[in-house]
């Protein structure tokens, strides 16, 4: 029975991700969403309904807090509904840019091929790069926007969990592969994420997040099963074997600057 419990504990966290989306959705906390926020679809009310979605934004924002001064400018690339804003001091200058005005104060920018640098002390780019046609160009734009002592927090999904590998071997493909919204164009592993980010930044810290829920998927009943397993078990597996069990990765990055030579 102990062996059976271990197997169940290992595999159940991944069932909830079948046909689900990890991209953040509508936040109900600021009360300032623009009229362009989608009324339906995979992102609807995600922050309100899914505490794991809220938690990973909170964890990302907290990584920046020790480095922030009251007068700093924080650039949020792919800000969606400004969910991250509430975790920073009100005195900071927060600039949110995204493909659409999901929040009324968002600056609409096409992020697919980079953007004109926006001077800032620190930046966020949460669950955004995997959706873009040329994420390297956007990462370059963020690098050029940051001050020489700036920090960046990036989160990326893990599309190489044990669940994803078993699903691929079973011949099961993503049911939303041609979706026009919420689709991941890039499917990074932990190794690929590290390599990609290290081209422009020094990795200072990694945090692995979990999402044992079927919220927003076609199989929400799975969440009731997953809730029987303590989060501590999910998190222990993610921290011990992140490449197999973490649903995504959060990186604290410091800008690489040329050394005088």
C-alpha atoms as a PDB file:
ATOM      1  CA  UNK A   1       0.000   0.000   0.000  1.00  0.00           C
ATOM      2  CA  UNK A   2       2.890   2.360   0.687  1.00  0.00           C
ATOM      3  CA  UNK A   3       4.180   1.826  -2.841  1.00  0.00           C
ATOM      4  CA  UNK A   4       0.712   2.474  -4.285  1.00  0.00           C
ATOM      5  CA  UNK A   5       0.365   5.700  -2.307  1.00  0.00           C
ATOM      6  CA  UNK A   6       3.748   6.890  -3.593  1.00  0.00           C
ATOM      7  CA  UNK A   7       2.766   6.200  -7.193  1.00  0.00           C
ATOM      8  CA  UNK A   8      -0.553   8.026  -6.757  1.00  0.00           C
ATOM      9  CA  UNK A   9       1.214  10.966  -5.114  1.00  0.00           C
ATOM     10  CA  UNK A  10       3.640  11.203  -8.012  1.00  0.00           C
ATOM     11  CA  UNK A  11       1.169  11.047 -10.861  1.00  0.00           C
ATOM     12  CA  UNK A  12      -1.967  12.808  -9.664  1.00  0.00           C
ATOM     13  CA  UNK A  13      -0.467  16.333  -9.752  1.00  0.00           C
ATOM     14  CA  UNK A  14      -0.226  16.121 -13.511  1.00  0.00           C
ATOM     15  CA  UNK A  15      -3.756  14.983 -14.275  1.00  0.00           C
ATOM     16  CA  UNK A  16      -5.101  18.385 -13.475  1.00  0.00           C
ATOM     17  CA  UNK A  17      -3.132  19.981 -16.284  1.00  0.00           C
ATOM     18  CA  UNK A  18      -4.859  18.084 -19.062  1.00  0.00           C
ATOM     19  CA  UNK A  19      -6.110  20.631 -21.587  1.00  0.00           C
ATOM     20  CA  UNK A  20      -5.562  23.434 -19.069  1.00  0.00           C
ATOM     21  CA  UNK A  21      -3.784  26.773 -19.419  1.00  0.00           C
ATOM     22  CA  UNK A  22      -1.250  28.345 -17.084  1.00  0.00           C
ATOM     23  CA  UNK A  23      -1.462  31.872 -18.419  1.00  0.00           C
ATOM     24  CA  UNK A  24      -2.808  34.327 -15.813  1.00  0.00           C
ATOM     25  CA  UNK A  25      -6.331  35.584 -16.177  1.00  0.00           C
ATOM     26  CA  UNK A  26      -8.667  38.215 -14.838  1.00  0.00           C
ATOM     27  CA  UNK A  27      -7.795  39.604 -11.426  1.00  0.00           C
ATOM     28  CA  UNK A  28     -10.624  40.821  -9.249  1.00  0.00           C
ATOM     29  CA  UNK A  29      -8.319  42.606  -6.797  1.00  0.00           C
ATOM     30  CA  UNK A  30      -7.673  45.972  -8.457  1.00  0.00           C
ATOM     31  CA  UNK A  31     -11.139  46.661  -9.809  1.00  0.00           C
ATOM     32  CA  UNK A  32      -9.573  48.484 -12.766  1.00  0.00           C
ATOM     33  CA  UNK A  33      -9.842  45.982 -15.597  1.00  0.00           C
ATOM     34  CA  UNK A  34     -10.397  47.402 -19.042  1.00  0.00           C
ATOM     35  CA  UNK A  35     -13.403  46.506 -21.140  1.00  0.00           C
ATOM     36  CA  UNK A  36     -11.187  44.432 -23.424  1.00  0.00           C
ATOM     37  CA  UNK A  37     -10.748  41.694 -20.809  1.00  0.00           C
ATOM     38  CA  UNK A  38     -12.144  38.483 -22.213  1.00  0.00           C
ATOM     39  CA  UNK A  39     -15.482  37.530 -20.730  1.00  0.00           C
ATOM     40  CA  UNK A  40     -14.953  33.851 -21.485  1.00  0.00           C
ATOM     41  CA  UNK A  41     -12.132  31.515 -22.379  1.00  0.00           C
ATOM     42  CA  UNK A  42      -9.273  29.825 -20.514  1.00  0.00           C
ATOM     43  CA  UNK A  43      -8.257  32.943 -18.541  1.00  0.00           C
ATOM     44  CA  UNK A  44     -11.649  33.878 -17.134  1.00  0.00           C
ATOM     45  CA  UNK A  45     -11.484  34.679 -13.392  1.00  0.00           C
ATOM     46  CA  UNK A  46      -8.323  32.610 -12.963  1.00  0.00           C
ATOM     47  CA  UNK A  47      -6.846  34.746 -10.181  1.00  0.00           C
ATOM     48  CA  UNK A  48     -10.115  34.744  -8.288  1.00  0.00           C
ATOM     49  CA  UNK A  49     -10.769  31.028  -8.683  1.00  0.00           C
ATOM     50  CA  UNK A  50      -7.250  29.586  -8.581  1.00  0.00           C
ATOM     51  CA  UNK A  51      -5.106  30.348  -5.553  1.00  0.00           C
ATOM     52  CA  UNK A  52      -2.106  28.696  -7.198  1.00  0.00           C
ATOM     53  CA  UNK A  53      -2.246  31.298  -9.967  1.00  0.00           C
ATOM     54  CA  UNK A  54      -2.260  34.059  -7.342  1.00  0.00           C
ATOM     55  CA  UNK A  55       0.527  32.397  -5.367  1.00  0.00           C
ATOM     56  CA  UNK A  56       2.966  32.220  -8.260  1.00  0.00           C
ATOM     57  CA  UNK A  57       2.513  35.917  -9.037  1.00  0.00           C
ATOM     58  CA  UNK A  58       3.040  36.718  -5.352  1.00  0.00           C
ATOM     59  CA  UNK A  59       6.195  34.580  -5.205  1.00  0.00           C
ATOM     60  CA  UNK A  60       7.526  36.293  -8.314  1.00  0.00           C
ATOM     61  CA  UNK A  61       6.905  39.794  -6.989  1.00  0.00           C
ATOM     62  CA  UNK A  62       8.456  38.986  -3.616  1.00  0.00           C
ATOM     63  CA  UNK A  63      11.735  38.072  -5.272  1.00  0.00           C
ATOM     64  CA  UNK A  64      12.076  41.709  -6.352  1.00  0.00           C
ATOM     65  CA  UNK A  65      11.043  43.339  -3.075  1.00  0.00           C
ATOM     66  CA  UNK A  66      14.483  43.289  -1.340  1.00  0.00           C
ATOM     67  CA  UNK A  67      16.000  45.272  -4.221  1.00  0.00           C
ATOM     68  CA  UNK A  68      13.298  47.907  -4.698  1.00  0.00           C
ATOM     69  CA  UNK A  69      13.584  51.522  -3.595  1.00  0.00           C
ATOM     70  CA  UNK A  70      10.586  53.801  -3.233  1.00  0.00           C
ATOM     71  CA  UNK A  71      11.461  55.868  -6.295  1.00  0.00           C
ATOM     72  CA  UNK A  72      12.220  52.920  -8.591  1.00  0.00           C
ATOM     73  CA  UNK A  73      10.441  52.171 -11.855  1.00  0.00           C
ATOM     74  CA  UNK A  74       9.224  48.597 -12.324  1.00  0.00           C
ATOM     75  CA  UNK A  75       8.418  47.426 -15.834  1.00  0.00           C
ATOM     76  CA  UNK A  76       5.936  44.545 -16.073  1.00  0.00           C
ATOM     77  CA  UNK A  77       6.179  42.938 -19.514  1.00  0.00           C
ATOM     78  CA  UNK A  78       3.002  40.983 -20.180  1.00  0.00           C
ATOM     79  CA  UNK A  79       1.274  42.612 -17.199  1.00  0.00           C
ATOM     80  CA  UNK A  80      -2.210  41.327 -18.085  1.00  0.00           C
ATOM     81  CA  UNK A  81      -4.549  42.677 -15.342  1.00  0.00           C
ATOM     82  CA  UNK A  82      -1.822  44.205 -13.121  1.00  0.00           C
ATOM     83  CA  UNK A  83      -2.056  41.374 -10.615  1.00  0.00           C
ATOM     84  CA  UNK A  84       1.587  41.927  -9.581  1.00  0.00           C
ATOM     85  CA  UNK A  85       1.085  45.622  -8.843  1.00  0.00           C
ATOM     86  CA  UNK A  86      -0.507  45.086  -5.446  1.00  0.00           C
ATOM     87  CA  UNK A  87       2.644  43.452  -4.066  1.00  0.00           C
ATOM     88  CA  UNK A  88       4.827  46.529  -4.573  1.00  0.00           C
ATOM     89  CA  UNK A  89       4.926  49.801  -2.608  1.00  0.00           C
ATOM     90  CA  UNK A  90       2.478  52.383  -3.894  1.00  0.00           C
ATOM     91  CA  UNK A  91       5.339  54.852  -4.245  1.00  0.00           C
ATOM     92  CA  UNK A  92       7.083  52.967  -7.044  1.00  0.00           C
ATOM     93  CA  UNK A  93       6.471  53.837 -10.678  1.00  0.00           C
ATOM     94  CA  UNK A  94       4.822  50.748 -12.122  1.00  0.00           C
ATOM     95  CA  UNK A  95       4.612  50.472 -15.917  1.00  0.00           C
ATOM     96  CA  UNK A  96       2.582  47.648 -17.403  1.00  0.00           C
ATOM     97  CA  UNK A  97       2.814  46.727 -21.085  1.00  0.00           C
ATOM     98  CA  UNK A  98       0.963  43.984 -22.921  1.00  0.00           C
ATOM     99  CA  UNK A  99      -0.493  42.975 -26.272  1.00  0.00           C
ATOM    100  CA  UNK A 100      -3.962  44.183 -25.238  1.00  0.00           C
ATOM    101  CA  UNK A 101      -5.295  46.630 -22.655  1.00  0.00           C
ATOM    102  CA  UNK A 102      -6.498  44.055 -20.147  1.00  0.00           C
ATOM    103  CA  UNK A 103      -6.112  46.830 -17.564  1.00  0.00           C
ATOM    104  CA  UNK A 104      -7.131  50.396 -18.285  1.00  0.00           C
ATOM    105  CA  UNK A 105      -3.636  51.758 -17.546  1.00  0.00           C
ATOM    106  CA  UNK A 106      -1.773  49.203 -19.655  1.00  0.00           C
ATOM    107  CA  UNK A 107       0.416  50.476 -22.467  1.00  0.00           C
ATOM    108  CA  UNK A 108      -0.406  48.366 -25.514  1.00  0.00           C
ATOM    109  CA  UNK A 109       2.765  47.097 -27.220  1.00  0.00           C
ATOM    110  CA  UNK A 110       3.388  44.316 -29.722  1.00  0.00           C
ATOM    111  CA  UNK A 111       5.761  42.094 -27.756  1.00  0.00           C
ATOM    112  CA  UNK A 112       6.293  39.444 -30.417  1.00  0.00           C
ATOM    113  CA  UNK A 113       9.431  40.962 -31.908  1.00  0.00           C
ATOM    114  CA  UNK A 114      10.785  43.020 -29.045  1.00  0.00           C
ATOM    115  CA  UNK A 115       9.941  46.629 -28.213  1.00  0.00           C
ATOM    116  CA  UNK A 116      11.581  49.999 -27.830  1.00  0.00           C
ATOM    117  CA  UNK A 117      13.467  50.066 -24.504  1.00  0.00           C
ATOM    118  CA  UNK A 118      11.589  51.554 -21.547  1.00  0.00           C
ATOM    119  CA  UNK A 119      14.050  52.740 -18.868  1.00  0.00           C
ATOM    120  CA  UNK A 120      13.472  51.009 -15.532  1.00  0.00           C
ATOM    121  CA  UNK A 121      15.300  49.819 -12.448  1.00  0.00           C
ATOM    122  CA  UNK A 122      13.669  46.381 -12.309  1.00  0.00           C
ATOM    123  CA  UNK A 123      11.324  44.269 -14.416  1.00  0.00           C
ATOM    124  CA  UNK A 124       8.911  41.355 -14.440  1.00  0.00           C
ATOM    125  CA  UNK A 125       8.040  39.010 -17.283  1.00  0.00           C
ATOM    126  CA  UNK A 126       5.663  36.375 -15.967  1.00  0.00           C
ATOM    127  CA  UNK A 127       4.323  33.558 -18.137  1.00  0.00           C
ATOM    128  CA  UNK A 128       4.730  35.640 -21.262  1.00  0.00           C
ATOM    129  CA  UNK A 129       7.824  34.597 -23.238  1.00  0.00           C
ATOM    130  CA  UNK A 130       6.392  31.186 -24.096  1.00  0.00           C
ATOM    131  CA  UNK A 131       3.554  32.896 -26.024  1.00  0.00           C
ATOM    132  CA  UNK A 132       5.697  35.136 -28.226  1.00  0.00           C
ATOM    133  CA  UNK A 133       6.929  34.548 -31.771  1.00  0.00           C
ATOM    134  CA  UNK A 134      10.443  35.805 -30.970  1.00  0.00           C
ATOM    135  CA  UNK A 135      10.968  35.686 -27.199  1.00  0.00           C
ATOM    136  CA  UNK A 136      14.700  36.307 -27.607  1.00  0.00           C
ATOM    137  CA  UNK A 137      13.969  39.739 -29.083  1.00  0.00           C
ATOM    138  CA  UNK A 138      11.715  40.581 -26.153  1.00  0.00           C
ATOM    139  CA  UNK A 139      14.322  39.408 -23.639  1.00  0.00           C
ATOM    140  CA  UNK A 140      16.846  41.634 -25.414  1.00  0.00           C
ATOM    141  CA  UNK A 141      14.455  44.581 -25.113  1.00  0.00           C
ATOM    142  CA  UNK A 142      14.036  43.960 -21.386  1.00  0.00           C
ATOM    143  CA  UNK A 143      17.816  43.763 -20.996  1.00  0.00           C
ATOM    144  CA  UNK A 144      18.199  47.099 -22.776  1.00  0.00           C
ATOM    145  CA  UNK A 145      15.466  48.649 -20.619  1.00  0.00           C
ATOM    146  CA  UNK A 146      17.053  47.708 -17.285  1.00  0.00           C
ATOM    147  CA  UNK A 147      19.593  49.759 -15.393  1.00  0.00           C
ATOM    148  CA  UNK A 148      23.032  48.221 -15.017  1.00  0.00           C
ATOM    149  CA  UNK A 149      22.199  47.122 -11.474  1.00  0.00           C
ATOM    150  CA  UNK A 150      18.666  46.055 -12.302  1.00  0.00           C
ATOM    151  CA  UNK A 151      16.957  42.776 -11.511  1.00  0.00           C
ATOM    152  CA  UNK A 152      14.465  40.836 -13.603  1.00  0.00           C
ATOM    153  CA  UNK A 153      12.041  38.107 -12.546  1.00  0.00           C
ATOM    154  CA  UNK A 154      10.932  35.694 -15.252  1.00  0.00           C
ATOM    155  CA  UNK A 155       8.526  32.787 -14.894  1.00  0.00           C
ATOM    156  CA  UNK A 156       8.206  30.038 -17.469  1.00  0.00           C
ATOM    157  CA  UNK A 157       6.016  26.916 -17.576  1.00  0.00           C
ATOM    158  CA  UNK A 158       7.463  23.429 -17.476  1.00  0.00           C
ATOM    159  CA  UNK A 159       6.214  21.494 -20.485  1.00  0.00           C
ATOM    160  CA  UNK A 160       8.418  18.479 -19.755  1.00  0.00           C
ATOM    161  CA  UNK A 161       6.904  17.140 -16.560  1.00  0.00           C
ATOM    162  CA  UNK A 162       6.519  13.432 -16.085  1.00  0.00           C
ATOM    163  CA  UNK A 163       2.868  13.852 -17.006  1.00  0.00           C
ATOM    164  CA  UNK A 164       3.710  15.563 -20.299  1.00  0.00           C
ATOM    165  CA  UNK A 165       6.230  12.840 -21.166  1.00  0.00           C
ATOM    166  CA  UNK A 166       3.780  10.025 -20.475  1.00  0.00           C
ATOM    167  CA  UNK A 167       1.083  11.835 -22.437  1.00  0.00           C
ATOM    168  CA  UNK A 168       3.408  12.185 -25.432  1.00  0.00           C
ATOM    169  CA  UNK A 169       4.416   8.511 -25.294  1.00  0.00           C
ATOM    170  CA  UNK A 170       0.727   7.635 -25.198  1.00  0.00           C
ATOM    171  CA  UNK A 171       0.128   9.582 -28.409  1.00  0.00           C
ATOM    172  CA  UNK A 172      -2.027  12.221 -26.719  1.00  0.00           C
ATOM    173  CA  UNK A 173      -1.455  15.687 -28.138  1.00  0.00           C
ATOM    174  CA  UNK A 174      -2.533  19.090 -26.866  1.00  0.00           C
ATOM    175  CA  UNK A 175      -6.215  19.491 -27.674  1.00  0.00           C
ATOM    176  CA  UNK A 176      -5.748  23.271 -27.979  1.00  0.00           C
ATOM    177  CA  UNK A 177      -2.770  23.150 -30.355  1.00  0.00           C
ATOM    178  CA  UNK A 178      -4.342  25.649 -32.790  1.00  0.00           C
ATOM    179  CA  UNK A 179      -5.909  27.916 -30.194  1.00  0.00           C
ATOM    180  CA  UNK A 180      -5.649  31.636 -30.921  1.00  0.00           C
ATOM    181  CA  UNK A 181      -5.444  32.582 -27.234  1.00  0.00           C
ATOM    182  CA  UNK A 182      -3.493  31.212 -24.318  1.00  0.00           C
ATOM    183  CA  UNK A 183      -1.405  28.879 -26.469  1.00  0.00           C
ATOM    184  CA  UNK A 184       2.226  28.151 -25.631  1.00  0.00           C
ATOM    185  CA  UNK A 185       4.343  28.440 -28.766  1.00  0.00           C
ATOM    186  CA  UNK A 186       7.480  27.366 -26.897  1.00  0.00           C
ATOM    187  CA  UNK A 187       7.710  24.336 -24.616  1.00  0.00           C
ATOM    188  CA  UNK A 188      10.822  24.806 -22.473  1.00  0.00           C
ATOM    189  CA  UNK A 189      12.440  22.345 -20.110  1.00  0.00           C
ATOM    190  CA  UNK A 190      14.328  23.534 -17.032  1.00  0.00           C
ATOM    191  CA  UNK A 191      17.669  23.118 -18.815  1.00  0.00           C
ATOM    192  CA  UNK A 192      16.453  25.054 -21.860  1.00  0.00           C
ATOM    193  CA  UNK A 193      15.020  27.832 -19.679  1.00  0.00           C
ATOM    194  CA  UNK A 194      18.332  28.229 -17.853  1.00  0.00           C
ATOM    195  CA  UNK A 195      20.319  28.301 -21.082  1.00  0.00           C
ATOM    196  CA  UNK A 196      17.990  30.805 -22.722  1.00  0.00           C
ATOM    197  CA  UNK A 197      18.002  33.248 -19.811  1.00  0.00           C
ATOM    198  CA  UNK A 198      21.729  32.928 -19.108  1.00  0.00           C
ATOM    199  CA  UNK A 199      22.566  34.459 -22.479  1.00  0.00           C
ATOM    200  CA  UNK A 200      21.695  37.905 -21.099  1.00  0.00           C
ATOM    201  CA  UNK A 201      21.385  37.464 -17.341  1.00  0.00           C
ATOM    202  CA  UNK A 202      22.994  35.846 -14.332  1.00  0.00           C
ATOM    203  CA  UNK A 203      20.621  33.490 -12.545  1.00  0.00           C
ATOM    204  CA  UNK A 204      20.548  34.490  -8.881  1.00  0.00           C
ATOM    205  CA  UNK A 205      17.768  32.246  -7.628  1.00  0.00           C
ATOM    206  CA  UNK A 206      15.232  29.686  -8.812  1.00  0.00           C
ATOM    207  CA  UNK A 207      11.803  28.976  -7.334  1.00  0.00           C
ATOM    208  CA  UNK A 208       9.638  26.069  -8.474  1.00  0.00           C
ATOM    209  CA  UNK A 209       5.881  26.450  -8.384  1.00  0.00           C
ATOM    210  CA  UNK A 210       3.084  23.908  -8.283  1.00  0.00           C
ATOM    211  CA  UNK A 211      -0.441  23.983  -9.685  1.00  0.00           C
ATOM    212  CA  UNK A 212      -2.263  20.825  -8.581  1.00  0.00           C
ATOM    213  CA  UNK A 213      -5.611  21.992  -9.856  1.00  0.00           C
ATOM    214  CA  UNK A 214      -7.842  21.505 -12.851  1.00  0.00           C
ATOM    215  CA  UNK A 215      -9.152  25.057 -12.617  1.00  0.00           C
ATOM    216  CA  UNK A 216     -10.006  26.350 -16.083  1.00  0.00           C
ATOM    217  CA  UNK A 217      -9.724  22.950 -17.744  1.00  0.00           C
ATOM    218  CA  UNK A 218     -12.310  20.539 -19.059  1.00  0.00           C
ATOM    219  CA  UNK A 219     -11.576  18.224 -16.132  1.00  0.00           C
ATOM    220  CA  UNK A 220     -12.212  20.366 -13.075  1.00  0.00           C
ATOM    221  CA  UNK A 221     -13.403  17.327 -11.134  1.00  0.00           C
ATOM    222  CA  UNK A 222      -9.755  16.253 -10.941  1.00  0.00           C
ATOM    223  CA  UNK A 223      -9.108  19.150  -8.570  1.00  0.00           C
ATOM    224  CA  UNK A 224     -11.267  17.464  -5.937  1.00  0.00           C
ATOM    225  CA  UNK A 225      -8.970  14.445  -6.048  1.00  0.00           C
ATOM    226  CA  UNK A 226      -5.808  16.535  -5.999  1.00  0.00           C
ATOM    227  CA  UNK A 227      -7.006  18.426  -2.930  1.00  0.00           C
ATOM    228  CA  UNK A 228      -6.728  15.191  -0.963  1.00  0.00           C
ATOM    229  CA  UNK A 229      -2.945  15.364  -1.318  1.00  0.00           C
ATOM    230  CA  UNK A 230      -1.269  18.043   0.838  1.00  0.00           C
ATOM    231  CA  UNK A 231       0.490  20.852  -0.996  1.00  0.00           C
ATOM    232  CA  UNK A 232       3.621  19.975   0.973  1.00  0.00           C
ATOM    233  CA  UNK A 233       3.894  16.722  -0.953  1.00  0.00           C
ATOM    234  CA  UNK A 234       3.431  18.455  -4.310  1.00  0.00           C
ATOM    235  CA  UNK A 235       6.002  21.104  -3.366  1.00  0.00           C
ATOM    236  CA  UNK A 236       8.497  18.547  -2.027  1.00  0.00           C
ATOM    237  CA  UNK A 237       8.410  16.690  -5.335  1.00  0.00           C
ATOM    238  CA  UNK A 238       8.771  19.951  -7.265  1.00  0.00           C
ATOM    239  CA  UNK A 239      11.719  21.134  -5.173  1.00  0.00           C
ATOM    240  CA  UNK A 240      13.463  17.746  -5.264  1.00  0.00           C
ATOM    241  CA  UNK A 241      12.896  16.923  -8.936  1.00  0.00           C
ATOM    242  CA  UNK A 242      11.866  20.228 -10.587  1.00  0.00           C
ATOM    243  CA  UNK A 243      12.355  19.006 -14.144  1.00  0.00           C
ATOM    244  CA  UNK A 244       9.801  16.259 -13.586  1.00  0.00           C
ATOM    245  CA  UNK A 245       7.381  17.669 -11.044  1.00  0.00           C
ATOM    246  CA  UNK A 246       7.422  21.481 -11.004  1.00  0.00           C
ATOM    247  CA  UNK A 247       4.647  23.024 -13.084  1.00  0.00           C
ATOM    248  CA  UNK A 248       6.850  26.011 -13.748  1.00  0.00           C
ATOM    249  CA  UNK A 249       9.998  27.912 -12.851  1.00  0.00           C
ATOM    250  CA  UNK A 250      10.543  31.410 -11.455  1.00  0.00           C
ATOM    251  CA  UNK A 251      13.973  32.975 -11.959  1.00  0.00           C
ATOM    252  CA  UNK A 252      15.538  35.963 -10.221  1.00  0.00           C
ATOM    253  CA  UNK A 253      18.002  37.393 -12.740  1.00  0.00           C
ATOM    254  CA  UNK A 254      20.680  40.050 -12.599  1.00  0.00           C
ATOM    255  CA  UNK A 255      21.642  41.921 -15.732  1.00  0.00           C
ATOM    256  CA  UNK A 256      24.887  40.912 -17.381  1.00  0.00           C
ATOM    257  CA  UNK A 257      27.031  43.979 -18.019  1.00  0.00           C
ATOM    258  CA  UNK A 258      30.272  44.097 -20.027  1.00  0.00           C
ATOM    259  CA  UNK A 259      33.364  44.131 -17.868  1.00  0.00           C
ATOM    260  CA  UNK A 260      36.067  46.669 -18.495  1.00  0.00           C
ATOM    261  CA  UNK A 261      38.991  44.976 -20.047  1.00  0.00           C
END
